[in-house]
Amino acid sequence: DARTALAPHTTGQIYANFLHDVDASAERVRAAYAPETYRRLVALKDRYDPTNMFRFNRNIPPSGA
């Protein structure tokens, strides 16, 4: 597939806006952010959306989920 063919020419990083529904798994979403950035996003999610109401489109689940 195209992703495999282009892999040698990429940095290996993921741009969150380019994740589509088919490949927006939890692992790919997490990989789109630096570890510290992802931790900050989880902290925001914990504070403002602890029930994960806004869970669509590249979800970052709260730590309790």
PDB file of N, CA and C in Angstrom:
ATOM      1  N   ASP A   1       0.827  -1.185   0.000  1.00  0.00           N
ATOM      2  CA  ASP A   1       0.000   0.000   0.000  1.00  0.00           C
ATOM      3  C   ASP A   1       0.872   1.250   0.000  1.00  0.00           C
ATOM      4  N   ALA A   2       0.254   2.396  -0.142  1.00  0.00           N
ATOM      5  CA  ALA A   2       0.992   3.654  -0.268  1.00  0.00           C
ATOM      6  C   ALA A   2       1.784   3.980   0.991  1.00  0.00           C
ATOM      7  N   ARG A   3       1.199   3.730   2.159  1.00  0.00           N
ATOM      8  CA  ARG A   3       1.898   4.045   3.412  1.00  0.00           C
ATOM      9  C   ARG A   3       3.202   3.262   3.516  1.00  0.00           C
ATOM     10  N   THR A   4       3.156   2.005   3.171  1.00  0.00           N
ATOM     11  CA  THR A   4       4.350   1.164   3.227  1.00  0.00           C
ATOM     12  C   THR A   4       5.388   1.639   2.214  1.00  0.00           C
ATOM     13  N   ALA A   5       4.940   1.986   1.028  1.00  0.00           N
ATOM     14  CA  ALA A   5       5.857   2.432  -0.016  1.00  0.00           C
ATOM     15  C   ALA A   5       6.538   3.749   0.347  1.00  0.00           C
ATOM     16  N   LEU A   6       5.825   4.623   1.025  1.00  0.00           N
ATOM     17  CA  LEU A   6       6.380   5.931   1.370  1.00  0.00           C
ATOM     18  C   LEU A   6       7.131   5.945   2.699  1.00  0.00           C
ATOM     19  N   ALA A   7       7.004   4.911   3.494  1.00  0.00           N
ATOM     20  CA  ALA A   7       7.610   4.868   4.827  1.00  0.00           C
ATOM     21  C   ALA A   7       9.093   5.231   4.858  1.00  0.00           C
ATOM     22  N   PRO A   8       9.912   4.758   3.920  1.00  0.00           N
ATOM     23  CA  PRO A   8      11.335   5.123   3.978  1.00  0.00           C
ATOM     24  C   PRO A   8      11.598   6.620   3.789  1.00  0.00           C
ATOM     25  N   HIS A   9      10.614   7.345   3.303  1.00  0.00           N
ATOM     26  CA  HIS A   9      10.799   8.765   3.007  1.00  0.00           C
ATOM     27  C   HIS A   9      10.122   9.679   4.024  1.00  0.00           C
ATOM     28  N   THR A  10       9.669   9.128   5.127  1.00  0.00           N
ATOM     29  CA  THR A  10       8.974   9.924   6.133  1.00  0.00           C
ATOM     30  C   THR A  10       9.784   9.999   7.417  1.00  0.00           C
ATOM     31  N   THR A  11       9.350  10.877   8.308  1.00  0.00           N
ATOM     32  CA  THR A  11      10.019  11.015   9.605  1.00  0.00           C
ATOM     33  C   THR A  11       9.479  10.018  10.618  1.00  0.00           C
ATOM     34  N   GLY A  12       8.345   9.401  10.306  1.00  0.00           N
ATOM     35  CA  GLY A  12       7.727   8.476  11.238  1.00  0.00           C
ATOM     36  C   GLY A  12       6.755   9.148  12.184  1.00  0.00           C
ATOM     37  N   GLN A  13       6.698  10.468  12.147  1.00  0.00           N
ATOM     38  CA  GLN A  13       5.772  11.189  13.008  1.00  0.00           C
ATOM     39  C   GLN A  13       4.391  11.225  12.370  1.00  0.00           C
ATOM     40  N   ILE A  14       3.396  11.460  13.204  1.00  0.00           N
ATOM     41  CA  ILE A  14       2.008  11.483  12.754  1.00  0.00           C
ATOM     42  C   ILE A  14       1.448  12.875  12.997  1.00  0.00           C
ATOM     43  N   TYR A  15       0.736  13.394  12.031  1.00  0.00           N
ATOM     44  CA  TYR A  15       0.067  14.679  12.164  1.00  0.00           C
ATOM     45  C   TYR A  15      -1.399  14.391  12.467  1.00  0.00           C
ATOM     46  N   ALA A  16      -1.878  14.818  13.626  1.00  0.00           N
ATOM     47  CA  ALA A  16      -3.217  14.442  14.099  1.00  0.00           C
ATOM     48  C   ALA A  16      -4.318  14.802  13.104  1.00  0.00           C
ATOM     49  N   ASN A  17      -4.194  15.919  12.418  1.00  0.00           N
ATOM     50  CA  ASN A  17      -5.245  16.307  11.476  1.00  0.00           C
ATOM     51  C   ASN A  17      -5.328  15.380  10.273  1.00  0.00           C
ATOM     52  N   PHE A  18      -4.295  14.608  10.031  1.00  0.00           N
ATOM     53  CA  PHE A  18      -4.312  13.691   8.902  1.00  0.00           C
ATOM     54  C   PHE A  18      -4.770  12.290   9.282  1.00  0.00           C
ATOM     55  N   LEU A  19      -5.105  12.081  10.541  1.00  0.00           N
ATOM     56  CA  LEU A  19      -5.658  10.792  10.941  1.00  0.00           C
ATOM     57  C   LEU A  19      -7.106  10.730  10.474  1.00  0.00           C
ATOM     58  N   HIS A  20      -7.443   9.659   9.839  1.00  0.00           N
ATOM     59  CA  HIS A  20      -8.816   9.469   9.384  1.00  0.00           C
ATOM     60  C   HIS A  20      -9.484   8.455  10.297  1.00  0.00           C
ATOM     61  N   ASP A  21     -10.786   8.352  10.204  1.00  0.00           N
ATOM     62  CA  ASP A  21     -11.521   7.444  11.081  1.00  0.00           C
ATOM     63  C   ASP A  21     -10.977   6.023  11.040  1.00  0.00           C
ATOM     64  N   VAL A  22     -10.530   5.584   9.883  1.00  0.00           N
ATOM     65  CA  VAL A  22     -10.069   4.200   9.766  1.00  0.00           C
ATOM     66  C   VAL A  22      -8.739   3.956  10.463  1.00  0.00           C
ATOM     67  N   ASP A  23      -7.919   4.996  10.620  1.00  0.00           N
ATOM     68  CA  ASP A  23      -6.627   4.770  11.272  1.00  0.00           C
ATOM     69  C   ASP A  23      -6.429   5.647  12.504  1.00  0.00           C
ATOM     70  N   ALA A  24      -7.517   6.099  13.106  1.00  0.00           N
ATOM     71  CA  ALA A  24      -7.426   6.932  14.306  1.00  0.00           C
ATOM     72  C   ALA A  24      -7.549   6.075  15.563  1.00  0.00           C
ATOM     73  N   SER A  25      -6.794   4.994  15.603  1.00  0.00           N
ATOM     74  CA  SER A  25      -6.807   4.143  16.790  1.00  0.00           C
ATOM     75  C   SER A  25      -6.174   4.898  17.955  1.00  0.00           C
ATOM     76  N   ALA A  26      -6.406   4.413  19.152  1.00  0.00           N
ATOM     77  CA  ALA A  26      -5.856   5.060  20.345  1.00  0.00           C
ATOM     78  C   ALA A  26      -4.335   5.164  20.262  1.00  0.00           C
ATOM     79  N   GLU A  27      -3.694   4.132  19.730  1.00  0.00           N
ATOM     80  CA  GLU A  27      -2.233   4.142  19.623  1.00  0.00           C
ATOM     81  C   GLU A  27      -1.754   5.207  18.636  1.00  0.00           C
ATOM     82  N   ARG A  28      -2.452   5.334  17.515  1.00  0.00           N
ATOM     83  CA  ARG A  28      -2.042   6.325  16.505  1.00  0.00           C
ATOM     84  C   ARG A  28      -2.300   7.744  16.998  1.00  0.00           C
ATOM     85  N   VAL A  29      -3.415   7.952  17.697  1.00  0.00           N
ATOM     86  CA  VAL A  29      -3.691   9.283  18.244  1.00  0.00           C
ATOM     87  C   VAL A  29      -2.614   9.641  19.268  1.00  0.00           C
ATOM     88  N   ARG A  30      -2.283   8.708  20.137  1.00  0.00           N
ATOM     89  CA  ARG A  30      -1.251   8.964  21.144  1.00  0.00           C
ATOM     90  C   ARG A  30       0.098   9.260  20.485  1.00  0.00           C
ATOM     91  N   ALA A  31       0.407   8.556  19.418  1.00  0.00           N
ATOM     92  CA  ALA A  31       1.682   8.749  18.724  1.00  0.00           C
ATOM     93  C   ALA A  31       1.765  10.102  18.013  1.00  0.00           C
ATOM     94  N   ALA A  32       0.636  10.749  17.816  1.00  0.00           N
ATOM     95  CA  ALA A  32       0.630  12.043  17.133  1.00  0.00           C
ATOM     96  C   ALA A  32       1.121  13.176  18.033  1.00  0.00           C
ATOM     97  N   TYR A  33       1.281  12.907  19.308  1.00  0.00           N
ATOM     98  CA  TYR A  33       1.686  13.944  20.265  1.00  0.00           C
ATOM     99  C   TYR A  33       2.944  13.524  21.009  1.00  0.00           C
ATOM    100  N   ALA A  34       3.730  14.498  21.371  1.00  0.00           N
ATOM    101  CA  ALA A  34       4.876  14.232  22.239  1.00  0.00           C
ATOM    102  C   ALA A  34       4.336  13.750  23.587  1.00  0.00           C
ATOM    103  N   PRO A  35       5.076  12.918  24.308  1.00  0.00           N
ATOM    104  CA  PRO A  35       4.560  12.370  25.571  1.00  0.00           C
ATOM    105  C   PRO A  35       4.066  13.432  26.561  1.00  0.00           C
ATOM    106  N   GLU A  36       4.817  14.503  26.740  1.00  0.00           N
ATOM    107  CA  GLU A  36       4.394  15.546  27.683  1.00  0.00           C
ATOM    108  C   GLU A  36       3.127  16.247  27.193  1.00  0.00           C
ATOM    109  N   THR A  37       3.034  16.481  25.913  1.00  0.00           N
ATOM    110  CA  THR A  37       1.834  17.107  25.349  1.00  0.00           C
ATOM    111  C   THR A  37       0.625  16.212  25.551  1.00  0.00           C
ATOM    112  N   TYR A  38       0.791  14.923  25.318  1.00  0.00           N
ATOM    113  CA  TYR A  38      -0.324  13.992  25.501  1.00  0.00           C
ATOM    114  C   TYR A  38      -0.765  13.975  26.967  1.00  0.00           C
ATOM    115  N   ARG A  39       0.185  13.990  27.894  1.00  0.00           N
ATOM    116  CA  ARG A  39      -0.170  14.027  29.325  1.00  0.00           C
ATOM    117  C   ARG A  39      -0.957  15.287  29.665  1.00  0.00           C
ATOM    118  N   ARG A  40      -0.557  16.415  29.087  1.00  0.00           N
ATOM    119  CA  ARG A  40      -1.294  17.662  29.332  1.00  0.00           C
ATOM    120  C   ARG A  40      -2.700  17.590  28.756  1.00  0.00           C
ATOM    121  N   LEU A  41      -2.841  16.997  27.581  1.00  0.00           N
ATOM    122  CA  LEU A  41      -4.167  16.853  26.982  1.00  0.00           C
ATOM    123  C   LEU A  41      -5.060  15.940  27.822  1.00  0.00           C
ATOM    124  N   VAL A  42      -4.494  14.881  28.361  1.00  0.00           N
ATOM    125  CA  VAL A  42      -5.263  13.992  29.243  1.00  0.00           C
ATOM    126  C   VAL A  42      -5.682  14.748  30.502  1.00  0.00           C
ATOM    127  N   ALA A  43      -4.796  15.567  31.048  1.00  0.00           N
ATOM    128  CA  ALA A  43      -5.141  16.356  32.236  1.00  0.00           C
ATOM    129  C   ALA A  43      -6.286  17.321  31.929  1.00  0.00           C
ATOM    130  N   LEU A  44      -6.260  17.931  30.754  1.00  0.00           N
ATOM    131  CA  LEU A  44      -7.369  18.803  30.355  1.00  0.00           C
ATOM    132  C   LEU A  44      -8.661  18.013  30.199  1.00  0.00           C
ATOM    133  N   LYS A  45      -8.550  16.848  29.610  1.00  0.00           N
ATOM    134  CA  LYS A  45      -9.725  15.991  29.443  1.00  0.00           C
ATOM    135  C   LYS A  45     -10.279  15.585  30.806  1.00  0.00           C
ATOM    136  N   ASP A  46      -9.400  15.260  31.737  1.00  0.00           N
ATOM    137  CA  ASP A  46      -9.831  14.908  33.096  1.00  0.00           C
ATOM    138  C   ASP A  46     -10.607  16.056  33.738  1.00  0.00           C
ATOM    139  N   ARG A  47     -10.147  17.260  33.503  1.00  0.00           N
ATOM    140  CA  ARG A  47     -10.768  18.416  34.146  1.00  0.00           C
ATOM    141  C   ARG A  47     -12.078  18.826  33.480  1.00  0.00           C
ATOM    142  N   TYR A  48     -12.096  18.870  32.153  1.00  0.00           N
ATOM    143  CA  TYR A  48     -13.239  19.442  31.452  1.00  0.00           C
ATOM    144  C   TYR A  48     -14.196  18.418  30.837  1.00  0.00           C
ATOM    145  N   ASP A  49     -13.771  17.183  30.688  1.00  0.00           N
ATOM    146  CA  ASP A  49     -14.638  16.161  30.092  1.00  0.00           C
ATOM    147  C   ASP A  49     -14.351  14.793  30.716  1.00  0.00           C
ATOM    148  N   PRO A  50     -14.507  14.666  32.033  1.00  0.00           N
ATOM    149  CA  PRO A  50     -14.158  13.405  32.694  1.00  0.00           C
ATOM    150  C   PRO A  50     -15.036  12.226  32.281  1.00  0.00           C
ATOM    151  N   THR A  51     -16.225  12.494  31.753  1.00  0.00           N
ATOM    152  CA  THR A  51     -17.100  11.398  31.318  1.00  0.00           C
ATOM    153  C   THR A  51     -16.893  11.046  29.849  1.00  0.00           C
ATOM    154  N   ASN A  52     -15.969  11.731  29.191  1.00  0.00           N
ATOM    155  CA  ASN A  52     -15.625  11.476  27.787  1.00  0.00           C
ATOM    156  C   ASN A  52     -16.818  11.683  26.854  1.00  0.00           C
ATOM    157  N   MET A  53     -17.603  12.709  27.147  1.00  0.00           N
ATOM    158  CA  MET A  53     -18.745  13.026  26.294  1.00  0.00           C
ATOM    159  C   MET A  53     -18.290  13.360  24.868  1.00  0.00           C
ATOM    160  N   PHE A  54     -17.194  14.100  24.766  1.00  0.00           N
ATOM    161  CA  PHE A  54     -16.663  14.485  23.454  1.00  0.00           C
ATOM    162  C   PHE A  54     -15.599  13.471  23.049  1.00  0.00           C
ATOM    163  N   ARG A  55     -16.044  12.320  22.598  1.00  0.00           N
ATOM    164  CA  ARG A  55     -15.140  11.204  22.341  1.00  0.00           C
ATOM    165  C   ARG A  55     -14.960  10.884  20.865  1.00  0.00           C
ATOM    166  N   PHE A  56     -15.471  11.714  20.010  1.00  0.00           N
ATOM    167  CA  PHE A  56     -15.378  11.451  18.579  1.00  0.00           C
ATOM    168  C   PHE A  56     -14.206  12.225  17.985  1.00  0.00           C
ATOM    169  N   ASN A  57     -13.773  11.829  16.815  1.00  0.00           N
ATOM    170  CA  ASN A  57     -12.696  12.530  16.109  1.00  0.00           C
ATOM    171  C   ASN A  57     -11.405  12.578  16.910  1.00  0.00           C
ATOM    172  N   ARG A  58     -10.633  11.569  16.807  1.00  0.00           N
ATOM    173  CA  ARG A  58      -9.302  11.508  17.423  1.00  0.00           C
ATOM    174  C   ARG A  58      -9.369  11.677  18.932  1.00  0.00           C
ATOM    175  N   ASN A  59     -10.110  10.812  19.551  1.00  0.00           N
ATOM    176  CA  ASN A  59     -10.372  10.893  20.984  1.00  0.00           C
ATOM    177  C   ASN A  59      -9.108  10.734  21.823  1.00  0.00           C
ATOM    178  N   ILE A  60      -9.020  11.566  22.838  1.00  0.00           N
ATOM    179  CA  ILE A  60      -8.034  11.401  23.901  1.00  0.00           C
ATOM    180  C   ILE A  60      -8.860  11.123  25.148  1.00  0.00           C
ATOM    181  N   PRO A  61      -8.891   9.885  25.598  1.00  0.00           N
ATOM    182  CA  PRO A  61      -9.743   9.557  26.738  1.00  0.00           C
ATOM    183  C   PRO A  61      -9.190  10.124  28.044  1.00  0.00           C
ATOM    184  N   PRO A  62     -10.081  10.429  28.991  1.00  0.00           N
ATOM    185  CA  PRO A  62      -9.605  10.858  30.306  1.00  0.00           C
ATOM    186  C   PRO A  62      -8.890   9.697  30.989  1.00  0.00           C
ATOM    187  N   SER A  63      -8.099   9.999  31.991  1.00  0.00           N
ATOM    188  CA  SER A  63      -7.302   8.953  32.630  1.00  0.00           C
ATOM    189  C   SER A  63      -8.154   7.902  33.327  1.00  0.00           C
ATOM    190  N   GLY A  64      -9.374   8.247  33.707  1.00  0.00           N
ATOM    191  CA  GLY A  64     -10.238   7.284  34.373  1.00  0.00           C
ATOM    192  C   GLY A  64     -11.016   6.393  33.423  1.00  0.00           C
ATOM    193  N   ALA A  65     -10.885   6.620  32.133  1.00  0.00           N
ATOM    194  CA  ALA A  65     -11.671   5.839  31.155  1.00  0.00           C
ATOM    195  C   ALA A  65     -11.040   4.500  30.865  1.00  0.00           C
TER     196      ALA A  65
END
